[in-house]
């Protein structure tokens, strides 16, 4: 199963992806966490990307997801988040076609809600107001393109339990088809 984990900054995507990878990794080597390319890019370059660098980040995220091993793939964000950020930051909608086509390959989308406290972490954290703008645009895009998602809420273990329940519901429905 390919699982997309989306959400604005500071919504617990990475923690959730790592927790789910451990929970679903039975037997071992069955679940694969694909880290967020943007986070690594920002650390490497010690800055956030410019508009002309967004496309390469989206392509690199897609490549990392597509190269994940067999079994469950937990994508700690997808090119769709890069497209949303490009749209919001630079009013550049050119990445949507690629991002939406890539997103079609996911079995389920988990949307991390903004119910966690906002915390600064350096390069990628712009504040709770910014997080709200990105969250609103992301939900608009998901709804405009009829991309179903499970809203994941709660703190700590409750958040992981919510996500695991959504994954199990999806598996049950898929098995009935």
Protein backbone atom coordinates (compact mmCIF):
# COMPACT_ATOMS: atom_id res chain seq x y z
CA UNK A 1 0.00 0.00 0.00
CA UNK A 2 1.24 3.51 -0.84
CA UNK A 3 0.30 5.98 1.87
CA UNK A 4 0.63 9.73 1.37
CA UNK A 5 1.00 11.84 4.48
CA UNK A 6 0.20 15.48 3.78
CA UNK A 7 -0.16 18.55 5.94
CA UNK A 8 1.09 22.06 6.46
CA UNK A 9 4.27 22.72 8.41
CA UNK A 10 4.42 21.56 12.01
CA UNK A 11 1.50 19.12 11.79
CA UNK A 12 3.48 16.06 12.83
CA UNK A 13 3.91 14.42 9.42
CA UNK A 14 7.41 13.12 10.05
CA UNK A 15 6.64 11.78 13.52
CA UNK A 16 3.46 10.16 12.20
CA UNK A 17 5.23 8.61 9.21
CA UNK A 18 7.96 7.14 11.38
CA UNK A 19 5.45 5.81 13.92
CA UNK A 20 3.31 4.23 11.20
CA UNK A 21 6.36 2.68 9.53
CA UNK A 22 7.26 0.96 12.79
CA UNK A 23 3.67 -0.15 13.41
CA UNK A 24 3.21 -1.53 9.89
CA UNK A 25 6.67 -3.12 9.66
CA UNK A 26 5.48 -6.63 10.52
CA UNK A 27 7.18 -8.76 9.33
CA UNK A 28 10.33 -6.59 9.26
CA UNK A 29 11.27 -4.84 6.00
CA UNK A 30 7.61 -4.66 5.01
CA UNK A 31 7.11 -0.90 5.59
CA UNK A 32 9.28 1.88 4.21
CA UNK A 33 9.34 5.50 5.37
CA UNK A 34 10.26 7.96 2.62
CA UNK A 35 11.55 11.17 4.25
CA UNK A 36 10.61 14.65 3.15
CA UNK A 37 12.97 15.80 0.41
CA UNK A 38 12.34 19.48 1.14
CA UNK A 39 13.54 19.15 4.75
CA UNK A 40 16.79 17.52 3.59
CA UNK A 41 17.19 20.12 0.84
CA UNK A 42 16.80 22.98 3.33
CA UNK A 43 19.32 21.46 5.71
CA UNK A 44 21.83 20.91 2.92
CA UNK A 45 21.47 24.43 1.47
CA UNK A 46 20.84 26.20 4.83
CA UNK A 47 17.87 28.06 3.33
CA UNK A 48 14.45 27.55 1.84
CA UNK A 49 14.20 27.04 -1.93
CA UNK A 50 13.53 29.71 -4.51
CA UNK A 51 10.76 29.36 -7.06
CA UNK A 52 13.00 27.93 -9.79
CA UNK A 53 14.15 25.15 -7.40
CA UNK A 54 10.70 23.85 -6.52
CA UNK A 55 10.30 21.58 -9.54
CA UNK A 56 13.52 19.68 -8.84
CA UNK A 57 12.41 19.14 -5.24
CA UNK A 58 9.03 17.77 -6.37
CA UNK A 59 10.71 15.43 -8.86
CA UNK A 60 13.22 14.24 -6.24
CA UNK A 61 10.37 13.53 -3.78
CA UNK A 62 8.52 11.53 -6.44
CA UNK A 63 11.66 9.60 -7.33
CA UNK A 64 12.33 8.72 -3.68
CA UNK A 65 8.76 7.47 -3.27
CA UNK A 66 8.86 5.48 -6.49
CA UNK A 67 12.16 3.84 -5.50
CA UNK A 68 10.97 2.70 -2.08
CA UNK A 69 11.16 -1.01 -1.48
CA UNK A 70 8.29 -3.48 -1.73
CA UNK A 71 5.62 -3.45 0.96
CA UNK A 72 3.91 -0.47 2.52
CA UNK A 73 5.34 2.90 1.52
CA UNK A 74 4.79 5.83 3.88
CA UNK A 75 5.55 9.04 2.03
CA UNK A 76 6.39 11.82 4.47
CA UNK A 77 4.81 14.26 2.06
CA UNK A 78 4.52 14.10 -1.73
CA UNK A 79 5.09 16.38 -4.72
CA UNK A 80 1.59 17.72 -4.05
CA UNK A 81 2.85 19.57 -0.96
CA UNK A 82 5.62 21.13 -3.05
CA UNK A 83 3.00 22.24 -5.58
CA UNK A 84 0.84 23.77 -2.85
CA UNK A 85 3.82 25.62 -1.36
CA UNK A 86 4.80 26.88 -4.83
CA UNK A 87 1.27 28.10 -5.34
CA UNK A 88 1.03 29.84 -1.96
CA UNK A 89 4.57 31.24 -1.83
CA UNK A 90 5.17 32.17 -5.45
CA UNK A 91 1.68 32.12 -7.05
CA UNK A 92 3.14 29.40 -9.28
CA UNK A 93 0.67 26.67 -10.18
CA UNK A 94 2.88 24.97 -12.76
CA UNK A 95 3.68 21.96 -10.54
CA UNK A 96 0.10 20.82 -10.03
CA UNK A 97 -0.18 18.71 -13.19
CA UNK A 98 2.89 16.63 -12.30
CA UNK A 99 2.01 16.48 -8.60
CA UNK A 100 -1.59 15.41 -9.16
CA UNK A 101 -0.56 12.75 -11.68
CA UNK A 102 1.95 11.36 -9.19
CA UNK A 103 -0.57 11.52 -6.36
CA UNK A 104 -2.93 9.29 -8.32
CA UNK A 105 -0.58 6.40 -7.51
CA UNK A 106 -1.34 6.52 -3.78
CA UNK A 107 -3.82 4.17 -2.17
CA UNK A 108 -4.69 6.48 0.71
CA UNK A 109 -4.00 10.05 1.75
CA UNK A 110 -3.68 10.98 5.40
CA UNK A 111 -4.06 14.70 6.09
CA UNK A 112 -2.35 15.78 9.31
CA UNK A 113 -4.55 18.41 10.93
CA UNK A 114 -3.28 21.66 12.44
CA UNK A 115 -4.38 20.65 15.95
CA UNK A 116 -0.81 20.27 17.20
CA UNK A 117 0.96 23.24 18.78
CA UNK A 118 3.11 25.17 16.33
CA UNK A 119 6.83 24.96 17.09
CA UNK A 120 9.71 26.77 15.41
CA UNK A 121 12.52 24.56 14.11
CA UNK A 122 14.60 26.88 12.00
CA UNK A 123 14.42 26.99 8.23
CA UNK A 124 10.97 25.60 7.54
CA UNK A 125 8.79 27.10 10.24
CA UNK A 126 7.02 30.32 9.27
CA UNK A 127 4.35 30.51 12.00
CA UNK A 128 0.81 29.42 12.81
CA UNK A 129 -0.80 31.99 10.49
CA UNK A 130 1.25 30.69 7.55
CA UNK A 131 0.39 27.11 8.51
CA UNK A 132 -3.32 28.00 8.34
CA UNK A 133 -2.95 29.48 4.84
CA UNK A 134 -1.15 26.37 3.55
CA UNK A 135 -3.66 24.06 5.25
CA UNK A 136 -6.58 25.91 3.66
CA UNK A 137 -5.03 25.77 0.17
CA UNK A 138 -4.12 22.09 0.56
CA UNK A 139 -7.70 21.19 1.50
CA UNK A 140 -8.99 23.25 -1.44
CA UNK A 141 -6.74 21.35 -3.85
CA UNK A 142 -7.70 17.96 -2.43
CA UNK A 143 -11.39 18.82 -2.67
CA UNK A 144 -11.17 20.48 -6.11
CA UNK A 145 -9.57 17.35 -7.54
CA UNK A 146 -11.80 14.93 -5.63
CA UNK A 147 -8.84 13.38 -3.83
CA UNK A 148 -10.24 11.60 -0.79
CA UNK A 149 -8.34 11.87 2.46
CA UNK A 150 -8.60 10.87 6.08
CA UNK A 151 -8.18 13.76 8.50
CA UNK A 152 -5.73 12.74 11.22
CA UNK A 153 -6.09 14.48 14.56
CA UNK A 154 -5.01 14.07 18.15
CA UNK A 155 -1.84 14.23 20.14
CA UNK A 156 0.79 11.53 20.51
CA UNK A 157 -0.54 7.99 20.47
CA UNK A 158 -4.07 9.18 19.64
CA UNK A 159 -2.79 10.63 16.34
CA UNK A 160 -1.12 7.35 15.37
CA UNK A 161 -4.21 5.38 16.41
CA UNK A 162 -6.37 7.63 14.21
CA UNK A 163 -4.05 7.07 11.25
CA UNK A 164 -3.86 3.30 11.76
CA UNK A 165 -7.66 3.15 11.95
CA UNK A 166 -7.94 5.04 8.65
CA UNK A 167 -5.45 2.66 7.01
CA UNK A 168 -7.34 -0.37 8.32
CA UNK A 169 -10.68 1.05 7.06
CA UNK A 170 -9.09 1.53 3.64
CA UNK A 171 -7.70 -2.00 3.60
CA UNK A 172 -11.06 -3.45 4.61
CA UNK A 173 -12.87 -1.51 1.87
CA UNK A 174 -10.25 -2.46 -0.72
CA UNK A 175 -10.55 -6.15 0.21
CA UNK A 176 -14.34 -6.01 -0.35
CA UNK A 177 -13.91 -4.73 -3.91
